[in-house]
Protein backbone atom coordinates (compact mmCIF):
# COMPACT_ATOMS: atom_id res chain seq x y z
CA MET A 1 -88.67 -141.96 -113.33
CA ALA A 2 -87.62 -144.94 -111.21
CA THR A 3 -90.05 -147.17 -113.14
CA PHE A 4 -88.67 -145.98 -116.48
CA LEU A 5 -85.05 -146.37 -115.40
CA ALA A 6 -85.68 -149.86 -114.01
CA PHE A 7 -87.33 -150.96 -117.26
CA LEU A 8 -84.54 -149.40 -119.33
CA GLY A 9 -81.87 -150.95 -117.10
CA GLY A 10 -83.42 -154.41 -117.31
CA MET A 11 -83.64 -154.28 -121.10
CA THR A 12 -80.08 -153.00 -121.34
CA LEU A 13 -78.67 -155.82 -119.20
CA ILE A 14 -80.55 -158.44 -121.22
CA LEU A 15 -79.39 -156.99 -124.54
CA VAL A 16 -75.78 -156.75 -123.33
CA SER A 17 -75.81 -160.37 -122.16
CA MET A 18 -77.25 -161.44 -125.53
CA SER A 19 -74.58 -159.51 -127.43
CA MET A 20 -71.83 -161.12 -125.31
CA GLY A 21 -73.09 -164.58 -126.28
CA ALA A 22 -74.53 -165.52 -129.65
CA GLY A 23 -75.14 -161.92 -130.68
CA ILE A 24 -78.37 -159.88 -130.70
CA ALA A 25 -79.00 -160.60 -134.40
CA ASN A 26 -79.43 -164.31 -133.63
CA PHE A 27 -82.30 -163.48 -131.27
CA VAL A 28 -84.29 -161.61 -133.89
CA ASP A 29 -86.95 -163.83 -135.44
CA LEU A 30 -89.91 -162.24 -137.24
CA PRO A 31 -92.25 -165.29 -137.28
CA ALA A 32 -91.70 -165.81 -133.54
CA ALA A 33 -92.44 -162.15 -132.85
CA MET A 34 -95.60 -162.33 -134.94
CA ILE A 35 -96.85 -165.35 -132.99
CA VAL A 36 -96.14 -163.91 -129.53
CA PHE A 37 -96.91 -160.22 -129.99
CA GLY A 38 -99.70 -160.70 -132.50
CA GLY A 39 -101.31 -163.58 -130.64
CA THR A 40 -101.17 -161.79 -127.27
CA ALA A 41 -102.62 -158.58 -128.73
CA ALA A 42 -105.41 -160.47 -130.50
CA ALA A 43 -106.33 -162.39 -127.34
CA ILE A 44 -106.41 -159.17 -125.29
CA PHE A 45 -108.76 -157.48 -127.76
CA ILE A 46 -110.96 -160.59 -127.74
CA SER A 47 -111.06 -160.63 -123.94
CA PHE A 48 -111.73 -156.93 -123.31
CA PRO A 49 -113.60 -154.08 -125.08
CA LEU A 50 -111.51 -151.85 -127.34
CA LYS A 51 -112.16 -148.68 -125.32
CA HIS A 52 -111.13 -150.53 -122.17
CA VAL A 53 -107.79 -151.61 -123.65
CA VAL A 54 -107.10 -148.11 -125.02
CA LYS A 55 -107.84 -146.58 -121.60
CA VAL A 56 -105.47 -149.05 -119.91
CA ALA A 57 -102.74 -148.03 -122.36
CA GLY A 58 -103.16 -144.45 -121.16
CA VAL A 59 -102.98 -145.56 -117.52
CA VAL A 60 -99.76 -147.50 -118.22
CA LEU A 61 -98.20 -144.36 -119.71
CA GLN A 62 -99.19 -142.42 -116.59
CA ILE A 63 -97.12 -144.63 -114.28
CA PHE A 64 -94.01 -143.40 -116.13
CA LYS A 65 -95.08 -139.76 -115.75
CA ARG A 66 -96.88 -139.10 -112.48
CA ASP A 67 -96.74 -140.40 -108.90
CA VAL A 68 -99.74 -140.73 -106.60
CA GLU A 69 -100.10 -137.76 -104.25
CA SER A 70 -98.24 -138.34 -101.00
CA PRO A 71 -100.35 -139.08 -97.88
CA ARG A 72 -98.05 -136.69 -96.01
CA TRP A 73 -99.08 -133.88 -98.36
CA ILE A 74 -102.75 -134.78 -97.93
CA ILE A 75 -102.51 -134.72 -94.14
CA GLY A 76 -100.74 -131.36 -94.20
CA LEU A 77 -103.41 -129.89 -96.47
CA MET A 78 -106.30 -131.22 -94.38
CA VAL A 79 -104.75 -129.77 -91.21
CA GLN A 80 -104.22 -126.45 -92.99
CA LEU A 81 -107.88 -126.37 -94.08
CA SER A 82 -109.00 -127.24 -90.54
CA ILE A 83 -106.96 -124.39 -89.04
CA LYS A 84 -108.43 -121.97 -91.58
CA ALA A 85 -111.98 -123.17 -90.90
CA ARG A 86 -111.57 -122.73 -87.12
CA ARG A 87 -110.00 -119.30 -87.53
CA LEU A 88 -112.60 -118.04 -90.02
CA SER A 89 -115.45 -120.40 -90.94
CA LEU A 90 -116.27 -123.37 -93.13
CA MET A 91 -117.58 -120.95 -95.76
CA ALA A 92 -114.07 -119.47 -95.98
CA LEU A 93 -112.97 -122.72 -97.61
CA ASP A 94 -115.06 -122.01 -100.71
CA GLY A 95 -112.06 -120.44 -102.46
CA ASP A 96 -109.97 -123.53 -101.73
CA THR A 97 -112.33 -125.72 -103.76
CA LYS A 98 -111.26 -123.77 -106.86
CA ARG A 99 -107.50 -124.05 -106.32
CA ILE A 100 -107.30 -127.67 -105.11
CA LYS A 101 -107.00 -130.12 -108.01
CA ASN A 102 -107.50 -133.35 -106.06
CA ARG A 103 -111.09 -134.27 -106.92
CA HIS A 104 -111.70 -136.21 -103.70
CA ILE A 105 -110.66 -133.30 -101.48
CA LYS A 106 -112.69 -130.94 -103.67
CA LEU A 107 -115.75 -133.21 -103.42
CA GLY A 108 -115.48 -133.40 -99.64
CA LEU A 109 -115.04 -129.65 -99.23
CA GLU A 110 -118.03 -128.89 -101.45
CA MET A 111 -120.27 -131.17 -99.38
CA VAL A 112 -119.00 -129.73 -96.10
CA ILE A 113 -119.56 -126.16 -97.30
CA ASP A 114 -123.05 -127.05 -98.58
CA GLY A 115 -123.98 -128.35 -95.12
CA TYR A 116 -124.25 -132.08 -95.83
CA GLN A 117 -124.49 -134.31 -92.76
CA ALA A 118 -121.60 -136.63 -91.84
CA PRO A 119 -123.34 -139.96 -92.75
CA LEU A 120 -124.18 -138.70 -96.24
CA ILE A 121 -120.66 -137.34 -96.77
CA ARG A 122 -119.16 -140.69 -95.77
CA ASP A 123 -121.61 -142.60 -97.99
CA VAL A 124 -120.88 -140.48 -101.08
CA MET A 125 -117.10 -140.52 -100.63
CA GLU A 126 -116.90 -144.24 -99.83
CA THR A 127 -119.00 -145.01 -102.92
CA GLU A 128 -116.54 -142.92 -104.94
CA LEU A 129 -113.70 -144.92 -103.38
CA ASP A 130 -115.35 -148.27 -104.18
CA PHE A 131 -115.75 -147.44 -107.85
CA LEU A 132 -112.23 -146.02 -108.02
CA GLN A 133 -110.96 -149.45 -106.97
CA ILE A 134 -113.18 -151.16 -109.54
CA ARG A 135 -111.86 -148.92 -112.34
CA HIS A 136 -108.25 -149.46 -111.34
CA ARG A 137 -108.75 -153.19 -110.93
CA LYS A 138 -109.75 -153.41 -114.62
CA GLY A 139 -106.37 -152.09 -115.74
CA GLU A 140 -104.56 -154.44 -113.42
CA HIS A 141 -106.65 -157.34 -114.74
CA VAL A 142 -105.74 -156.54 -118.36
CA MET A 143 -102.02 -156.55 -117.56
CA LYS A 144 -102.25 -159.78 -115.56
CA THR A 145 -104.16 -161.45 -118.38
CA ALA A 146 -101.53 -160.34 -120.89
CA GLY A 147 -98.84 -161.67 -118.56
CA LYS A 148 -100.49 -165.11 -118.65
CA LEU A 149 -101.12 -165.06 -122.41
CA ALA A 150 -97.63 -164.07 -123.59
CA PRO A 151 -95.84 -167.23 -122.31
CA ALA A 152 -98.75 -169.35 -123.59
CA PHE A 153 -98.30 -167.99 -127.11
CA GLY A 154 -94.56 -168.49 -126.70
CA LEU A 155 -95.24 -172.15 -126.03
CA THR A 156 -97.57 -172.22 -129.03
CA GLY A 157 -94.78 -170.91 -131.23
CA THR A 158 -92.42 -173.51 -129.81
CA VAL A 159 -94.84 -176.30 -130.71
CA ILE A 160 -95.20 -174.88 -134.22
CA GLY A 161 -91.42 -174.75 -134.58
CA LEU A 162 -90.98 -178.31 -133.34
CA VAL A 163 -93.61 -179.58 -135.77
CA GLU A 164 -91.87 -177.84 -138.67
CA MET A 165 -88.51 -179.19 -137.50
CA LEU A 166 -89.80 -182.76 -137.32
CA LEU A 167 -91.45 -182.46 -140.72
CA GLY A 168 -88.16 -181.24 -142.14
CA LEU A 169 -86.39 -184.15 -140.47
CA ALA A 170 -88.85 -186.63 -141.99
CA SER A 171 -88.23 -185.24 -145.47
CA THR A 172 -84.43 -185.43 -145.16
CA ALA A 173 -82.83 -187.91 -147.55
CA PRO A 174 -81.48 -191.11 -145.93
CA GLY A 175 -77.85 -190.84 -144.90
CA ALA A 176 -77.82 -187.00 -144.98
CA SER A 177 -76.53 -185.11 -141.94
CA THR A 178 -79.36 -183.66 -139.84
CA THR A 179 -77.48 -182.31 -136.79
CA THR A 180 -77.14 -178.73 -138.08
CA GLY A 181 -80.76 -178.58 -139.20
CA LEU A 182 -82.01 -179.93 -135.89
CA ALA A 183 -79.98 -177.44 -133.88
CA LYS A 184 -81.14 -174.51 -135.99
CA GLY A 185 -84.75 -175.63 -135.88
CA MET A 186 -84.66 -176.08 -132.11
CA ALA A 187 -83.17 -172.59 -131.67
CA VAL A 188 -85.96 -171.03 -133.73
CA ALA A 189 -88.60 -173.06 -131.87
CA LEU A 190 -87.34 -171.85 -128.51
CA MET A 191 -87.25 -168.22 -129.66
CA THR A 192 -91.00 -167.80 -129.19
CA THR A 193 -90.76 -169.08 -125.62
CA PHE A 194 -88.01 -166.54 -124.99
CA TYR A 195 -90.14 -163.70 -126.37
CA GLY A 196 -93.18 -164.76 -124.37
CA VAL A 197 -91.32 -165.11 -121.07
CA LEU A 198 -89.45 -161.83 -121.58
CA LEU A 199 -92.61 -159.89 -122.46
CA SER A 200 -94.51 -161.32 -119.51
CA ASN A 201 -91.87 -160.99 -116.78
CA LEU A 202 -90.26 -157.71 -117.77
CA PHE A 203 -93.37 -155.81 -118.82
CA PHE A 204 -96.86 -157.18 -118.21
CA VAL A 205 -96.50 -158.72 -114.73
CA PRO A 206 -94.40 -155.83 -113.27
CA ILE A 207 -96.82 -153.27 -114.73
CA ALA A 208 -99.76 -155.16 -113.16
CA GLU A 209 -98.00 -155.09 -109.78
CA LYS A 210 -97.20 -151.41 -110.24
CA LEU A 211 -100.86 -150.64 -110.93
CA LYS A 212 -101.87 -152.64 -107.85
CA ASN A 213 -99.41 -150.75 -105.65
CA ARG A 214 -100.56 -147.41 -107.05
CA THR A 215 -104.17 -148.37 -106.38
CA ASP A 216 -103.29 -149.25 -102.77
CA ASP A 217 -101.50 -145.91 -102.35
CA GLU A 218 -104.41 -143.98 -103.86
CA VAL A 219 -106.94 -145.85 -101.71
CA LEU A 220 -104.92 -144.93 -98.60
CA GLY A 221 -104.92 -141.29 -99.67
CA VAL A 222 -108.70 -141.27 -100.22
CA GLN A 223 -109.29 -142.95 -96.85
CA ILE A 224 -107.27 -140.18 -95.20
CA ILE A 225 -109.29 -137.58 -97.13
CA ILE A 226 -112.60 -139.14 -96.01
CA GLU A 227 -111.61 -139.12 -92.33
CA GLY A 228 -110.15 -135.63 -92.61
CA THR A 229 -113.30 -134.31 -94.29
CA LEU A 230 -115.55 -135.79 -91.60
CA MET A 231 -113.39 -134.29 -88.83
CA LEU A 232 -113.41 -130.98 -90.68
CA GLN A 233 -117.22 -131.10 -90.81
CA ALA A 234 -117.37 -131.96 -87.09
CA GLY A 235 -115.02 -129.11 -86.12
CA VAL A 236 -112.35 -131.35 -84.58
CA ASN A 237 -109.28 -129.57 -83.25
CA PRO A 238 -106.59 -129.44 -86.01
CA ARG A 239 -103.92 -130.85 -83.71
CA ILE A 240 -106.14 -133.85 -82.90
CA MET A 241 -106.94 -134.21 -86.61
CA GLU A 242 -103.24 -134.40 -87.41
CA LYS A 243 -102.68 -137.10 -84.78
CA LYS A 244 -105.68 -139.12 -86.00
CA LEU A 245 -104.70 -138.91 -89.68
CA ASN A 246 -101.09 -139.77 -88.85
CA SER A 247 -102.32 -143.10 -87.50
CA PHE A 248 -102.85 -144.19 -91.14
CA LEU A 249 -99.08 -144.03 -91.70
CA PRO A 250 -96.10 -145.92 -90.24
CA PRO A 251 -94.28 -143.96 -87.49
CA GLU A 252 -91.33 -143.00 -89.70
CA GLN A 253 -93.63 -141.38 -92.30
CA ARG A 254 -95.83 -139.34 -89.96
CA VAL A 255 -95.92 -135.56 -90.29
CA SER A 256 -96.00 -132.79 -87.70
CA HIS A 257 -96.85 -129.58 -89.52
CA TYR A 258 -99.45 -128.08 -87.19
CA ASP A 259 -97.15 -125.61 -85.39
CA GLU A 260 -95.41 -124.68 -88.65
CA ILE A 261 -98.72 -123.97 -90.40
CA VAL A 262 -99.96 -121.85 -87.47
CA ARG A 263 -96.75 -119.78 -87.41
CA HIS A 264 -96.91 -119.28 -91.16
CA GLN A 265 -100.54 -118.13 -91.07
CA ARG A 266 -99.87 -115.76 -88.17
CA ALA A 267 -96.91 -114.26 -90.04
CA GLN A 268 -99.09 -113.70 -93.09
CA SER A 269 -101.85 -112.07 -91.03
CA GLN A 270 -99.48 -109.51 -89.43
CA PRO A 271 -99.26 -106.11 -91.19
CA GLN A 272 -96.09 -105.23 -93.09
CA GLY A 273 -93.37 -103.75 -90.88
CA ALA A 274 -95.01 -104.88 -87.64
């Protein structure tokens, strides 16, 4: 929601400032839009496979809909699973693999329940993490490439406009006034630069940075899951697990849910009316 509101707010401020000056209608130029938007889109499809670009479009839509799962939530869940495993057994976590939607936690639990050794669990989960970063890096690369291409096509449109303006100037009859024509031609020539810079700096580059930040957040979450899974497999005390996993976070973001989880589970285990 914050991403959507920021994008909407930025566009609104730009449009309002345009309307207070020359007027929004004077900034609408179809040939300039065709050069910038069409040229950028064509270059992107030349640079990357079609299915890759379509997948990135879906990822971009996701950043307006869904946040990455909080590391605090992940730590709380791993501690909860550890307490349950110590109270019952690792096999008691089999039902949790069906209700947990996070595929990394589910993968780790399945391997722990199946009796995989710690080195193999780490190897499988770190390989999964490596390829997650590779997949996410592709989307970020597409957006960064588009951010570089849009201003370049804006400059291309400006050159085209200047050439047309100079050709028009050369064909003007001797003694005729050329000031108005030059001013109008220059305005049209600069319109493509405006479109390219706006598209790059308000959309492509911020989206690329957003994807990078989301990847960093997701990588942190998976690293916490890997360490939590290995401690779960080793039977580490849940309180120690919580302290170790909290070390991934800055002090102000660390959680302390161990006592609360224990009290809640004890309350649930007591018979009604006790």
